[in-house]
């Protein structure tokens, strides 16, 4: 079985083909930016993009991922300077850092469909990503900052 991860076709070893996507990404493919948290799809630490949508990789059987485009935190930018990642640093969001890759992936998915999200849209998009360090205010500020730095898109791509 082969997966398309971060734009590259990757072979999944046979012994991993019945596992969850998060474990395959981390253990079989060495992409450890995606974190394993609760294992029940509740915390958001394992969030990746699947065909552009934020999903919990701990809930997905890798056997259902063939032909789908999977993007992990490692695939956002070759140099680590995706506008959301840059905004995260500029707003000093990370504390312990465990939830950050999932938070960033959820923010990227939000901003890919909503150029300038309002508070309610940010709340809805980020609701499933838990941060025990209490950086929610800085997360919101980083999303707002990133929305201002992303290239303009046609109005049809924005909800505003």
Protein backbone atom coordinates (compact mmCIF):
# COMPACT_ATOMS: atom_id res chain seq x y z
CA UNK A 1 0.00 0.00 0.00
CA UNK A 2 1.18 3.52 -0.81
CA UNK A 3 0.15 6.85 0.67
CA UNK A 4 0.56 10.36 -0.68
CA UNK A 5 2.06 12.27 2.23
CA UNK A 6 3.25 15.85 1.87
CA UNK A 7 3.18 15.45 -1.91
CA UNK A 8 5.37 12.34 -1.91
CA UNK A 9 4.27 8.77 -2.50
CA UNK A 10 5.33 6.63 0.48
CA UNK A 11 5.11 2.88 0.90
CA UNK A 12 3.44 1.57 4.06
CA UNK A 13 5.11 -1.62 5.28
CA UNK A 14 2.70 -4.58 5.38
CA UNK A 15 2.80 -4.85 9.18
CA UNK A 16 1.39 -1.29 9.47
CA UNK A 17 -1.44 -1.58 6.95
CA UNK A 18 -4.12 -2.33 9.57
CA UNK A 19 -3.12 0.45 11.95
CA UNK A 20 -4.34 4.01 12.49
CA UNK A 21 -2.89 6.81 10.40
CA UNK A 22 -1.21 8.56 13.34
CA UNK A 23 0.85 5.48 14.17
CA UNK A 24 1.83 4.90 10.54
CA UNK A 25 2.91 8.52 10.12
CA UNK A 26 4.98 8.53 13.32
CA UNK A 27 6.33 5.01 13.58
CA UNK A 28 6.48 3.63 10.05
CA UNK A 29 7.17 6.83 8.10
CA UNK A 30 9.13 8.80 10.72
CA UNK A 31 6.93 11.93 10.57
CA UNK A 32 6.85 12.65 14.28
CA UNK A 33 5.43 16.18 14.07
CA UNK A 34 1.94 14.71 14.32
CA UNK A 35 1.42 13.88 18.00
CA UNK A 36 -0.48 11.02 19.57
CA UNK A 37 -2.66 12.39 22.35
CA UNK A 38 -5.89 10.82 23.53
CA UNK A 39 -6.38 8.21 20.81
CA UNK A 40 -10.10 8.99 20.78
CA UNK A 41 -10.27 12.00 18.46
CA UNK A 42 -11.00 14.38 21.34
CA UNK A 43 -7.80 16.40 21.87
CA UNK A 44 -6.71 17.35 18.34
CA UNK A 45 -2.99 16.72 18.86
CA UNK A 46 -3.00 14.30 15.92
CA UNK A 47 -4.68 16.68 13.46
CA UNK A 48 -3.48 16.44 9.85
CA UNK A 49 -5.00 17.63 6.59
CA UNK A 50 -6.77 15.02 4.48
CA UNK A 51 -7.55 16.40 1.04
CA UNK A 52 -7.27 19.85 2.67
CA UNK A 53 -9.64 19.22 5.59
CA UNK A 54 -8.53 18.98 9.22
CA UNK A 55 -9.01 15.43 10.53
CA UNK A 56 -7.98 13.41 13.57
CA UNK A 57 -5.42 10.89 12.36
CA UNK A 58 -5.87 8.70 15.45
CA UNK A 59 -9.36 7.82 14.22
CA UNK A 60 -8.49 6.95 10.62
CA UNK A 61 -7.55 3.47 9.44
CA UNK A 62 -4.58 3.79 7.12
CA UNK A 63 -6.26 1.25 4.83
CA UNK A 64 -8.79 3.95 3.88
CA UNK A 65 -6.14 6.52 2.94
CA UNK A 66 -5.01 5.21 -0.46
CA UNK A 67 -5.25 7.92 -3.12
CA UNK A 68 -5.97 10.68 -0.58
CA UNK A 69 -3.66 13.66 -0.07
CA UNK A 70 -2.30 13.73 3.49
CA UNK A 71 -0.46 16.79 4.76
CA UNK A 72 1.39 16.78 8.06
CA UNK A 73 3.04 19.67 9.87
CA UNK A 74 6.29 18.72 8.10
CA UNK A 75 4.62 19.27 4.73
CA UNK A 76 3.32 22.81 5.26
CA UNK A 77 6.54 24.48 4.21
CA UNK A 78 9.95 23.25 3.14
CA UNK A 79 11.63 25.90 5.31
CA UNK A 80 9.17 25.92 8.22
CA UNK A 81 7.90 29.39 7.36
CA UNK A 82 4.28 28.81 6.40
CA UNK A 83 2.39 32.02 7.33
CA UNK A 84 0.57 30.22 10.15
CA UNK A 85 3.82 28.84 11.59
CA UNK A 86 5.42 32.29 11.35
CA UNK A 87 2.40 33.89 13.09
CA UNK A 88 2.60 31.23 15.82
CA UNK A 89 6.16 32.27 16.57
CA UNK A 90 5.47 36.01 16.30
CA UNK A 91 2.61 35.73 18.80
CA UNK A 92 4.66 33.46 21.12
CA UNK A 93 1.93 30.82 21.14
CA UNK A 94 3.87 27.68 22.13
CA UNK A 95 4.23 26.77 25.78
CA UNK A 96 4.72 23.03 26.23
CA UNK A 97 4.23 22.61 22.49
CA UNK A 98 2.47 19.25 22.51
CA UNK A 99 -0.75 20.46 20.90
CA UNK A 100 0.89 22.92 18.54
CA UNK A 101 1.11 20.85 15.36
CA UNK A 102 -2.57 19.94 15.65
CA UNK A 103 -3.51 23.55 16.40
CA UNK A 104 -1.51 24.79 13.41
CA UNK A 105 -3.02 22.23 11.06
CA UNK A 106 -6.55 23.18 12.17
CA UNK A 107 -5.72 26.87 11.64
CA UNK A 108 -4.32 26.17 8.16
CA UNK A 109 -7.52 24.31 7.23
CA UNK A 110 -9.63 27.20 8.53
CA UNK A 111 -7.65 29.82 6.63
CA UNK A 112 -7.65 27.81 3.42
CA UNK A 113 -11.42 28.20 3.26
CA UNK A 114 -12.00 31.46 5.13
CA UNK A 115 -9.66 34.34 4.33
CA UNK A 116 -10.63 36.53 7.29
CA UNK A 117 -12.42 34.45 9.91
CA UNK A 118 -14.37 36.09 12.69
CA UNK A 119 -14.27 35.07 16.33
CA UNK A 120 -17.11 32.56 15.95
CA UNK A 121 -15.44 30.90 12.96
CA UNK A 122 -12.12 30.66 14.80
CA UNK A 123 -13.85 29.24 17.87
CA UNK A 124 -15.67 26.63 15.80
CA UNK A 125 -12.56 25.58 13.86
CA UNK A 126 -10.36 25.35 16.94
CA UNK A 127 -12.89 23.91 19.41
CA UNK A 128 -11.63 20.34 19.08
CA UNK A 129 -7.98 21.24 19.68
CA UNK A 130 -7.23 21.31 23.39
CA UNK A 131 -4.47 23.41 24.93
CA UNK A 132 -3.88 22.86 28.62
CA UNK A 133 -1.32 25.68 28.78
CA UNK A 134 -3.97 28.34 28.26
CA UNK A 135 -2.63 29.97 25.12
CA UNK A 136 -6.03 30.27 23.44
CA UNK A 137 -5.85 34.09 23.30
CA UNK A 138 -2.47 33.95 21.55
CA UNK A 139 -3.74 31.20 19.23
CA UNK A 140 -6.58 33.51 18.15
CA UNK A 141 -4.11 36.40 17.66
CA UNK A 142 -1.83 34.16 15.57
CA UNK A 143 -4.73 33.07 13.35
CA UNK A 144 -5.76 36.68 12.86
CA UNK A 145 -2.15 37.66 12.07
CA UNK A 146 -1.76 34.79 9.61
CA UNK A 147 -5.00 35.74 7.86
CA UNK A 148 -3.55 39.18 7.18
CA UNK A 149 -0.32 37.74 5.77
CA UNK A 150 -1.79 35.09 3.46
CA UNK A 151 -2.01 35.92 -0.25
CA UNK A 152 -5.35 37.40 -1.30
CA UNK A 153 -7.85 34.97 -2.77
CA UNK A 154 -10.91 35.63 -4.90
CA UNK A 155 -14.02 36.52 -2.90
CA UNK A 156 -15.65 33.18 -3.79
CA UNK A 157 -12.99 31.40 -1.71
CA UNK A 158 -13.74 33.43 1.39
CA UNK A 159 -16.81 33.22 3.59
CA UNK A 160 -16.68 36.99 4.13
